[in-house]
Protein backbone atom coordinates (compact mmCIF):
# COMPACT_ATOMS: atom_id res chain seq x y z
CA ASP A 1 141.53 120.65 79.71
CA ASP A 2 138.07 119.98 81.20
CA PRO A 3 134.96 118.71 79.01
CA GLY A 4 132.40 119.53 82.23
CA PRO A 5 131.76 123.03 80.93
CA PHE A 6 131.05 121.87 76.76
CA GLU A 7 129.14 118.48 78.45
CA ASP A 8 126.94 120.80 80.15
CA ARG A 9 126.43 123.17 77.54
CA LEU A 10 125.69 120.87 74.88
CA THR A 11 123.51 118.55 77.04
CA LYS A 12 121.80 121.53 78.18
CA GLY A 13 121.14 122.49 74.31
CA ILE A 14 119.80 119.22 73.27
CA ARG A 15 117.60 118.96 76.27
CA ALA A 16 116.06 122.17 74.96
CA VAL A 17 115.50 120.99 71.22
CA ARG A 18 114.33 117.50 72.45
CA LYS A 19 111.82 119.67 74.60
CA ARG A 20 110.72 122.34 71.58
CA GLY A 21 110.83 120.04 69.21
CA ILE A 22 111.07 120.50 65.65
CA ARG A 23 108.38 122.97 63.56
CA ARG A 24 106.35 121.97 60.58
CA ARG A 25 107.53 124.81 59.30
CA ASP A 26 111.32 124.16 59.73
CA PHE A 27 111.16 120.71 59.05
CA GLU A 28 109.27 122.22 55.55
CA ARG A 29 111.94 124.56 54.85
CA ILE A 30 114.72 122.39 55.42
CA LYS A 31 113.19 119.78 53.18
CA ARG A 32 112.75 122.03 50.22
CA LYS A 33 116.54 123.24 51.15
CA LEU A 34 118.28 120.29 50.62
CA LEU A 35 116.25 119.73 47.27
CA GLY A 36 117.18 123.10 46.26
CA ARG A 37 120.92 123.04 47.16
CA LEU A 38 120.24 118.76 45.52
CA LEU A 39 119.65 120.75 42.52
CA GLN A 40 122.49 123.35 42.41
CA ARG A 41 125.04 120.30 42.66
CA LEU A 42 123.77 118.31 39.61
CA ASP A 43 124.52 121.30 38.01
CA ASP A 44 128.17 121.07 38.35
CA ALA A 45 129.23 117.38 36.15
CA GLU A 46 132.19 116.70 39.35
CA SER A 47 129.53 117.12 41.78
CA ALA A 48 126.67 115.31 40.16
CA ALA A 49 129.70 112.29 40.21
CA TRP A 50 130.43 112.66 43.46
CA LEU A 51 126.89 112.73 44.64
CA ALA A 52 126.16 109.57 42.84
CA TRP A 53 129.06 107.74 44.06
CA THR A 54 128.25 108.52 47.49
CA TYR A 55 124.54 107.50 47.70
CA ALA A 56 125.30 104.64 45.66
CA ALA A 57 127.77 103.94 48.53
CA VAL A 58 125.04 103.52 50.79
CA GLY A 59 122.52 102.14 48.76
CA VAL A 60 120.54 105.12 47.34
CA ASP A 61 119.86 105.74 43.77
CA LEU A 62 120.59 109.73 43.65
CA LEU A 63 117.45 109.76 41.39
CA ASP A 64 115.15 108.56 44.09
CA PHE A 65 116.78 111.07 46.40
CA PRO A 66 113.85 113.87 46.07
CA LYS A 67 111.60 111.54 46.62
CA LEU A 68 113.12 110.03 49.83
CA ILE A 69 113.21 113.95 50.71
CA ARG A 70 109.41 114.49 50.10
CA ARG A 71 108.26 111.24 51.72
CA ALA A 72 110.19 112.11 54.91
CA THR A 73 107.63 112.90 57.43
CA LEU A 74 107.67 115.42 60.31
CA THR A 75 106.48 112.36 62.72
CA ALA A 76 109.52 110.27 61.75
CA CYS A 77 112.10 112.53 61.99
CA ARG A 78 111.10 113.48 65.60
CA GLU A 79 111.39 109.89 66.47
CA ARG A 80 114.81 109.99 64.86
CA LEU A 81 115.60 113.01 66.79
CA ASP A 82 114.86 111.63 69.94
CA GLU A 83 115.97 108.31 69.29
CA HIS A 84 119.90 109.66 68.50
CA LEU A 85 119.61 112.56 71.14
CA ASP A 86 118.52 110.54 74.07
CA LEU A 87 120.98 111.64 76.83
CA ASP A 88 119.60 108.96 79.03
CA ALA A 89 120.38 105.94 77.22
CA GLY A 90 123.99 106.11 78.49
CA ARG A 91 125.53 106.41 74.50
CA THR A 92 127.09 109.86 75.32
CA ALA A 93 130.87 110.35 75.76
CA PHE A 94 132.73 113.49 75.99
CA ALA A 95 136.64 113.99 75.52
CA VAL A 96 139.33 116.52 75.07
CA VAL A 97 140.94 116.14 71.76
CA ARG A 98 144.36 117.69 71.39
CA PRO A 99 146.50 117.55 68.42
CA GLU A 100 149.63 115.25 68.42
CA GLY A 101 152.18 116.16 70.69
CA GLU A 102 149.96 118.52 73.16
């Protein structure tokens, strides 16, 4: 009923992540995982078609995706994290969402 406790927990977690930051080894591990997951999906024709369509919809060629991941930098990732998780920017809202009829 009250989003307050959830908001408090989430806000506390976001502030901790922003303070701690992203470690280089975690960043590199995630890049390898993304590339591995992509290769797994390309092994299945239906998944490969879905991926190609999804990336094309946002203007990215599926075959360029590995290059984009490899070029991603920790600095850019940290900047994006700070930009998206800036709790003081006034862009946050919390609400309780219930199924219709409750």
